[in-house]
C-alpha atoms as a PDB file:
ATOM      1  CA  MET A   1      13.942  35.448 -18.396  1.00  0.00           C
ATOM      2  CA  ALA A   2      10.566  33.690 -16.802  1.00  0.00           C
ATOM      3  CA  THR A   3       9.609  30.272 -17.698  1.00  0.00           C
ATOM      4  CA  GLN A   4       6.560  29.447 -18.739  1.00  0.00           C
ATOM      5  CA  SER A   5       4.835  26.098 -17.505  1.00  0.00           C
ATOM      6  CA  ILE A   6       3.722  23.764 -20.220  1.00  0.00           C
ATOM      7  CA  ARG A   7       0.124  22.497 -19.865  1.00  0.00           C
ATOM      8  CA  LEU A   8       0.229  18.647 -19.734  1.00  0.00           C
ATOM      9  CA  SER A   9      -2.547  16.657 -21.526  1.00  0.00           C
ATOM     10  CA  GLU A  10      -5.128  14.865 -19.066  1.00  0.00           C
ATOM     11  CA  LYS A  11      -3.351  11.755 -19.616  1.00  0.00           C
ATOM     12  CA  ASN A  12       0.192  12.998 -18.838  1.00  0.00           C
ATOM     13  CA  PHE A  13      -1.148  15.068 -15.862  1.00  0.00           C
ATOM     14  CA  ILE A  14      -2.709  11.938 -14.164  1.00  0.00           C
ATOM     15  CA  GLU A  15       0.420  10.112 -14.822  1.00  0.00           C
ATOM     16  CA  ARG A  16       2.479  12.588 -12.868  1.00  0.00           C
ATOM     17  CA  ALA A  17      -0.220  12.974 -10.274  1.00  0.00           C
ATOM     18  CA  ALA A  18      -0.162   9.465  -9.689  1.00  0.00           C
ATOM     19  CA  CYS A  19       3.699   9.295  -9.113  1.00  0.00           C
ATOM     20  CA  GLU A  20       3.449  12.552  -6.680  1.00  0.00           C
ATOM     21  CA  LEU A  21       0.521  11.024  -4.991  1.00  0.00           C
ATOM     22  CA  ARG A  22       2.455   7.617  -3.879  1.00  0.00           C
ATOM     23  CA  GLU A  23       5.694   9.707  -3.155  1.00  0.00           C
ATOM     24  CA  LEU A  24       3.201  12.002  -0.759  1.00  0.00           C
ATOM     25  CA  MET A  25       1.530   8.748   0.588  1.00  0.00           C
ATOM     26  CA  HIS A  26       4.956   7.991   2.397  1.00  0.00           C
ATOM     27  CA  GLU A  27       5.256  11.526   3.652  1.00  0.00           C
ATOM     28  CA  VAL A  28       1.441  11.733   4.964  1.00  0.00           C
ATOM     29  CA  ARG A  29       1.900   8.211   6.459  1.00  0.00           C
ATOM     30  CA  GLU A  30       4.837   9.121   8.418  1.00  0.00           C
ATOM     31  CA  LEU A  31       3.424  12.229   9.665  1.00  0.00           C
ATOM     32  CA  ILE A  32       0.209  10.591  10.610  1.00  0.00           C
ATOM     33  CA  THR A  33       2.233   7.832  12.697  1.00  0.00           C
ATOM     34  CA  ASP A  34       4.589  10.299  14.405  1.00  0.00           C
ATOM     35  CA  HIS A  35       1.541  12.407  15.341  1.00  0.00           C
ATOM     36  CA  ASP A  36      -0.110   8.983  16.731  1.00  0.00           C
ATOM     37  CA  ILE A  37       2.927   7.920  18.764  1.00  0.00           C
ATOM     38  CA  TYR A  38       3.597  11.294  20.197  1.00  0.00           C
ATOM     39  CA  TRP A  39       0.041  11.323  21.679  1.00  0.00           C
ATOM     40  CA  LYS A  40       0.289   7.796  22.811  1.00  0.00           C
ATOM     41  CA  VAL A  41       3.475   8.924  24.844  1.00  0.00           C
ATOM     42  CA  GLN A  42       1.464  11.999  26.010  1.00  0.00           C
ATOM     43  CA  ARG A  43      -1.308   9.760  27.258  1.00  0.00           C
ATOM     44  CA  VAL A  44       1.434   7.715  29.407  1.00  0.00           C
ATOM     45  CA  ILE A  45       2.630  10.834  30.798  1.00  0.00           C
ATOM     46  CA  GLN A  46      -0.840  12.173  31.806  1.00  0.00           C
ATOM     47  CA  SER A  47      -1.740   9.027  33.357  1.00  0.00           C
ATOM     48  CA  ASN A  48       1.330   8.868  35.622  1.00  0.00           C
ATOM     49  CA  PRO A  49       1.227  11.220  38.604  1.00  0.00           C
ATOM     50  CA  ARG A  50       5.067  11.060  38.898  1.00  0.00           C
ATOM     51  CA  LEU A  51       5.564  11.948  35.287  1.00  0.00           C
ATOM     52  CA  LEU A  52       3.176  15.152  35.413  1.00  0.00           C
ATOM     53  CA  VAL A  53       5.142  16.791  37.960  1.00  0.00           C
ATOM     54  CA  ALA A  54       8.700  15.944  36.577  1.00  0.00           C
ATOM     55  CA  ARG A  55      10.778  18.462  35.181  1.00  0.00           C
ATOM     56  CA  SER A  56      12.987  16.890  32.368  1.00  0.00           C
ATOM     57  CA  ALA A  57      15.034  18.178  29.382  1.00  0.00           C
ATOM     58  CA  PHE A  58      14.179  15.031  27.956  1.00  0.00           C
ATOM     59  CA  PHE A  59      10.542  15.664  27.723  1.00  0.00           C
ATOM     60  CA  ASP A  60      11.556  19.353  26.151  1.00  0.00           C
ATOM     61  CA  THR A  61      13.722  17.707  23.579  1.00  0.00           C
ATOM     62  CA  MET A  62      10.938  14.979  22.997  1.00  0.00           C
ATOM     63  CA  ASN A  63       8.367  17.611  22.279  1.00  0.00           C
ATOM     64  CA  ASP A  64      10.603  19.982  20.351  1.00  0.00           C
ATOM     65  CA  SER A  65      11.605  17.243  18.263  1.00  0.00           C
ATOM     66  CA  PHE A  66       8.097  16.057  17.311  1.00  0.00           C
ATOM     67  CA  ALA A  67       7.123  19.748  16.894  1.00  0.00           C
ATOM     68  CA  HIS A  68       9.674  20.507  14.661  1.00  0.00           C
ATOM     69  CA  SER A  69       9.619  17.194  12.680  1.00  0.00           C
ATOM     70  CA  ALA A  70       5.851  17.431  12.078  1.00  0.00           C
ATOM     71  CA  ALA A  71       5.966  21.022  11.390  1.00  0.00           C
ATOM     72  CA  MET A  72       8.800  20.413   8.785  1.00  0.00           C
ATOM     73  CA  ARG A  73       6.619  17.730   7.038  1.00  0.00           C
ATOM     74  CA  VAL A  74       3.631  19.703   6.771  1.00  0.00           C
ATOM     75  CA  ARG A  75       5.522  22.628   5.256  1.00  0.00           C
ATOM     76  CA  ARG A  76       6.997  19.968   2.657  1.00  0.00           C
ATOM     77  CA  ILE A  77       3.397  18.994   2.023  1.00  0.00           C
ATOM     78  CA  VAL A  78       2.047  22.173   1.445  1.00  0.00           C
ATOM     79  CA  ASP A  79       5.535  23.458  -0.461  1.00  0.00           C
ATOM     80  CA  LYS A  80       4.553  25.782  -3.321  1.00  0.00           C
ATOM     81  CA  ASP A  81       7.867  25.836  -5.042  1.00  0.00           C
ATOM     82  CA  HIS A  82       7.403  24.472  -8.562  1.00  0.00           C
ATOM     83  CA  ARG A  83      10.225  22.005  -8.253  1.00  0.00           C
ATOM     84  CA  THR A  84       8.755  20.232  -5.531  1.00  0.00           C
ATOM     85  CA  ILE A  85       5.924  17.594  -5.016  1.00  0.00           C
ATOM     86  CA  SER A  86       3.451  18.957  -2.765  1.00  0.00           C
ATOM     87  CA  LEU A  87      -0.152  18.014  -2.178  1.00  0.00           C
ATOM     88  CA  LEU A  88      -1.203  21.624  -2.282  1.00  0.00           C
ATOM     89  CA  ARG A  89       0.828  22.263  -5.611  1.00  0.00           C
ATOM     90  CA  LEU A  90      -1.088  19.130  -6.847  1.00  0.00           C
ATOM     91  CA  LEU A  91      -4.359  20.513  -5.950  1.00  0.00           C
ATOM     92  CA  LYS A  92      -3.773  23.796  -7.620  1.00  0.00           C
ATOM     93  CA  ASN A  93      -2.619  22.288 -10.750  1.00  0.00           C
ATOM     94  CA  LEU A  94      -5.781  20.197 -10.828  1.00  0.00           C
ATOM     95  CA  VAL A  95      -7.997  23.065 -10.972  1.00  0.00           C
ATOM     96  CA  ASP A  96      -6.876  23.356 -14.571  1.00  0.00           C
ATOM     97  CA  TYR A  97      -8.044  19.726 -15.165  1.00  0.00           C
ATOM     98  CA  PRO A  98     -11.810  19.769 -14.553  1.00  0.00           C
ATOM     99  CA  GLY A  99     -12.618  16.589 -16.623  1.00  0.00           C
ATOM    100  CA  LEU A 100     -10.373  14.744 -14.128  1.00  0.00           C
ATOM    101  CA  LEU A 101     -12.798  15.540 -11.151  1.00  0.00           C
ATOM    102  CA  GLY A 102     -15.310  13.130 -12.691  1.00  0.00           C
ATOM    103  CA  GLY A 103     -18.427  14.784 -11.557  1.00  0.00           C
ATOM    104  CA  LYS A 104     -17.378  13.880  -7.954  1.00  0.00           C
ATOM    105  CA  ILE A 105     -16.561  17.048  -6.746  1.00  0.00           C
ATOM    106  CA  THR A 106     -17.053  20.636  -8.332  1.00  0.00           C
ATOM    107  CA  ARG A 107     -14.515  22.925  -9.173  1.00  0.00           C
ATOM    108  CA  ASP A 108     -15.715  25.247  -6.050  1.00  0.00           C
ATOM    109  CA  ASP A 109     -15.227  22.036  -3.833  1.00  0.00           C
ATOM    110  CA  LEU A 110     -11.739  21.885  -5.289  1.00  0.00           C
ATOM    111  CA  GLU A 111     -11.236  25.569  -4.637  1.00  0.00           C
ATOM    112  CA  ASN A 112     -12.647  25.054  -1.066  1.00  0.00           C
ATOM    113  CA  ASP A 113     -10.331  22.360  -0.170  1.00  0.00           C
ATOM    114  CA  ILE A 114      -7.318  24.329  -1.474  1.00  0.00           C
ATOM    115  CA  ARG A 115      -8.257  27.435   0.760  1.00  0.00           C
ATOM    116  CA  GLU A 116      -8.900  24.880   3.805  1.00  0.00           C
ATOM    117  CA  LEU A 117      -5.664  23.437   3.308  1.00  0.00           C
ATOM    118  CA  GLU A 118      -3.852  26.807   3.064  1.00  0.00           C
ATOM    119  CA  GLU A 119      -5.828  28.141   6.309  1.00  0.00           C
ATOM    120  CA  ALA A 120      -5.149  24.882   8.333  1.00  0.00           C
ATOM    121  CA  THR A 121      -1.555  24.865   7.373  1.00  0.00           C
ATOM    122  CA  ASN A 122      -0.505  28.736   7.129  1.00  0.00           C
ATOM    123  CA  LYS A 123       0.509  29.180  10.606  1.00  0.00           C
ATOM    124  CA  ILE A 124       2.744  26.051  10.675  1.00  0.00           C
ATOM    125  CA  LYS A 125       4.488  26.983   7.174  1.00  0.00           C
ATOM    126  CA  THR A 126       5.211  30.488   8.649  1.00  0.00           C
ATOM    127  CA  TYR A 127       6.677  29.081  11.557  1.00  0.00           C
ATOM    128  CA  VAL A 128       8.789  26.730   9.831  1.00  0.00           C
ATOM    129  CA  ASP A 129       9.857  29.431   7.547  1.00  0.00           C
ATOM    130  CA  LYS A 130      10.819  31.802  10.093  1.00  0.00           C
ATOM    131  CA  SER A 131      12.012  29.920  13.225  1.00  0.00           C
ATOM    132  CA  VAL A 132      12.744  26.248  12.180  1.00  0.00           C
ATOM    133  CA  ALA A 133      14.369  26.406   8.778  1.00  0.00           C
ATOM    134  CA  HIS A 134      15.790  29.629   9.380  1.00  0.00           C
ATOM    135  CA  HIS A 135      16.432  31.791  12.245  1.00  0.00           C
ATOM    136  CA  ASP A 136      14.987  34.807  11.160  1.00  0.00           C
ATOM    137  CA  ARG A 137      16.291  38.185  12.605  1.00  0.00           C
ATOM    138  CA  ASN A 138      12.980  39.648  12.781  1.00  0.00           C
ATOM    139  CA  SER A 139      10.866  36.547  13.519  1.00  0.00           C
ATOM    140  CA  ILE A 140       7.155  37.436  14.226  1.00  0.00           C
ATOM    141  CA  ALA A 141       5.920  33.815  13.633  1.00  0.00           C
ATOM    142  CA  ASP A 142       4.041  32.593  16.375  1.00  0.00           C
ATOM    143  CA  THR A 143       4.802  29.217  17.843  1.00  0.00           C
ATOM    144  CA  PRO A 144       1.971  26.915  16.810  1.00  0.00           C
ATOM    145  CA  LEU A 145      -0.097  25.387  19.553  1.00  0.00           C
ATOM    146  CA  ASN A 146      -0.412  21.534  19.569  1.00  0.00           C
ATOM    147  CA  ARG A 147      -3.969  21.618  18.449  1.00  0.00           C
ATOM    148  CA  GLU A 148      -2.986  23.672  15.426  1.00  0.00           C
ATOM    149  CA  LEU A 149      -0.470  21.174  14.465  1.00  0.00           C
ATOM    150  CA  SER A 150      -3.136  18.381  15.016  1.00  0.00           C
ATOM    151  CA  ARG A 151      -5.492  20.176  12.912  1.00  0.00           C
ATOM    152  CA  SER A 152      -3.312  20.685  10.076  1.00  0.00           C
ATOM    153  CA  ILE A 153      -2.369  16.963  10.189  1.00  0.00           C
ATOM    154  CA  LYS A 154      -6.022  16.151  10.286  1.00  0.00           C
ATOM    155  CA  THR A 155      -6.797  18.465   7.353  1.00  0.00           C
ATOM    156  CA  ILE A 156      -3.823  17.073   5.295  1.00  0.00           C
ATOM    157  CA  GLU A 157      -4.914  13.312   6.123  1.00  0.00           C
ATOM    158  CA  ARG A 158      -8.591  13.982   4.928  1.00  0.00           C
ATOM    159  CA  LEU A 159      -7.868  16.083   1.988  1.00  0.00           C
ATOM    160  CA  PHE A 160      -4.984  13.543   0.726  1.00  0.00           C
ATOM    161  CA  ARG A 161      -7.349  10.493   1.065  1.00  0.00           C
ATOM    162  CA  ARG A 162     -10.141  12.312  -0.865  1.00  0.00           C
ATOM    163  CA  TYR A 163      -7.624  13.320  -3.972  1.00  0.00           C
ATOM    164  CA  PHE A 164      -5.771  10.134  -3.637  1.00  0.00           C
ATOM    165  CA  ASN A 165      -9.247   8.294  -4.317  1.00  0.00           C
ATOM    166  CA  LEU A 166     -10.508  10.707  -6.842  1.00  0.00           C
ATOM    167  CA  LEU A 167      -7.355  10.507  -8.767  1.00  0.00           C
ATOM    168  CA  MET A 168      -6.200   6.993  -8.144  1.00  0.00           C
ATOM    169  CA  GLY A 169      -9.827   5.459  -7.937  1.00  0.00           C
ATOM    170  CA  VAL A 170      -8.617   3.672  -4.697  1.00  0.00           C
ATOM    171  CA  ASP A 171      -9.670   4.683  -1.097  1.00  0.00           C
ATOM    172  CA  ILE A 172      -6.624   4.564   0.718  1.00  0.00           C
ATOM    173  CA  ASP A 173      -6.071   3.421   4.444  1.00  0.00           C
ATOM    174  CA  LEU A 174      -4.046   5.729   6.326  1.00  0.00           C
ATOM    175  CA  SER A 175      -5.003   4.480   9.754  1.00  0.00           C
ATOM    176  CA  VAL A 176      -1.902   3.845  11.909  1.00  0.00           C
ATOM    177  CA  ASN A 177      -1.278   0.064  12.782  1.00  0.00           C
ATOM    178  CA  TYR A 178       1.839  -1.428  14.280  1.00  0.00           C
ATOM    179  CA  LEU A 179       3.160  -4.820  14.191  1.00  0.00           C
ATOM    180  CA  GLU A 180       4.307  -4.487  17.800  1.00  0.00           C
ATOM    181  CA  ASP A 181       3.377  -1.945  20.681  1.00  0.00           C
ATOM    182  CA  PRO A 182       5.139   1.051  20.016  1.00  0.00           C
ATOM    183  CA  LEU A 183       5.184   1.941  23.678  1.00  0.00           C
ATOM    184  CA  ALA A 184       6.418  -1.729  24.759  1.00  0.00           C
ATOM    185  CA  ILE A 185       9.757  -0.245  25.611  1.00  0.00           C
ATOM    186  CA  PHE A 186       8.122   1.983  28.285  1.00  0.00           C
ATOM    187  CA  ARG A 187       7.284  -1.509  30.195  1.00  0.00           C
ATOM    188  CA  TYR A 188      10.753  -2.100  31.736  1.00  0.00           C
ATOM    189  CA  SER A 189      13.191   0.246  33.492  1.00  0.00           C
ATOM    190  CA  TRP A 190      15.582   2.018  31.001  1.00  0.00           C
ATOM    191  CA  ILE A 191      18.477   2.508  33.480  1.00  0.00           C
ATOM    192  CA  THR A 192      19.650  -0.428  35.175  1.00  0.00           C
ATOM    193  CA  PRO A 193      21.527  -0.464  38.627  1.00  0.00           C
END
């Protein structure tokens, strides 16, 4: 027997959306922070001629760990399962509440944003489903390139800010700030004689 979804009142939808946006805010911030630190480390590697030619299992592990964890976060943020908190699901549900758009964006704008989010993250989602979360027997998922992952993260950040502002009435700052330099640990030798 199929379950029917119950349409919430606008008041109840906005309350649920506010809770979900606060939950998603942590996920999006962690994704942006991880992305920022990863690329800071990559710039260190690129600026050091010895590291540029070094073959290291550590680099492979670092690259794989970032790629898999970032891809998993992207996948969670665009999950379509009705049991999950997801930016994509929230936007798709928002289509049914045009009164909440406040004249700031049109339904067409919202639908274009949904399409853009799906297009920017589709390859990442497929990769996670076929190769990270599961080891598909017949996986045909292409491994996303760093630029595709970066593009999906930037799209998520922009759209999350847009709809957080629209629904919460507050412009959220997702820029990365550190109390301490995250690269300070590289300023001294890790292996002592």
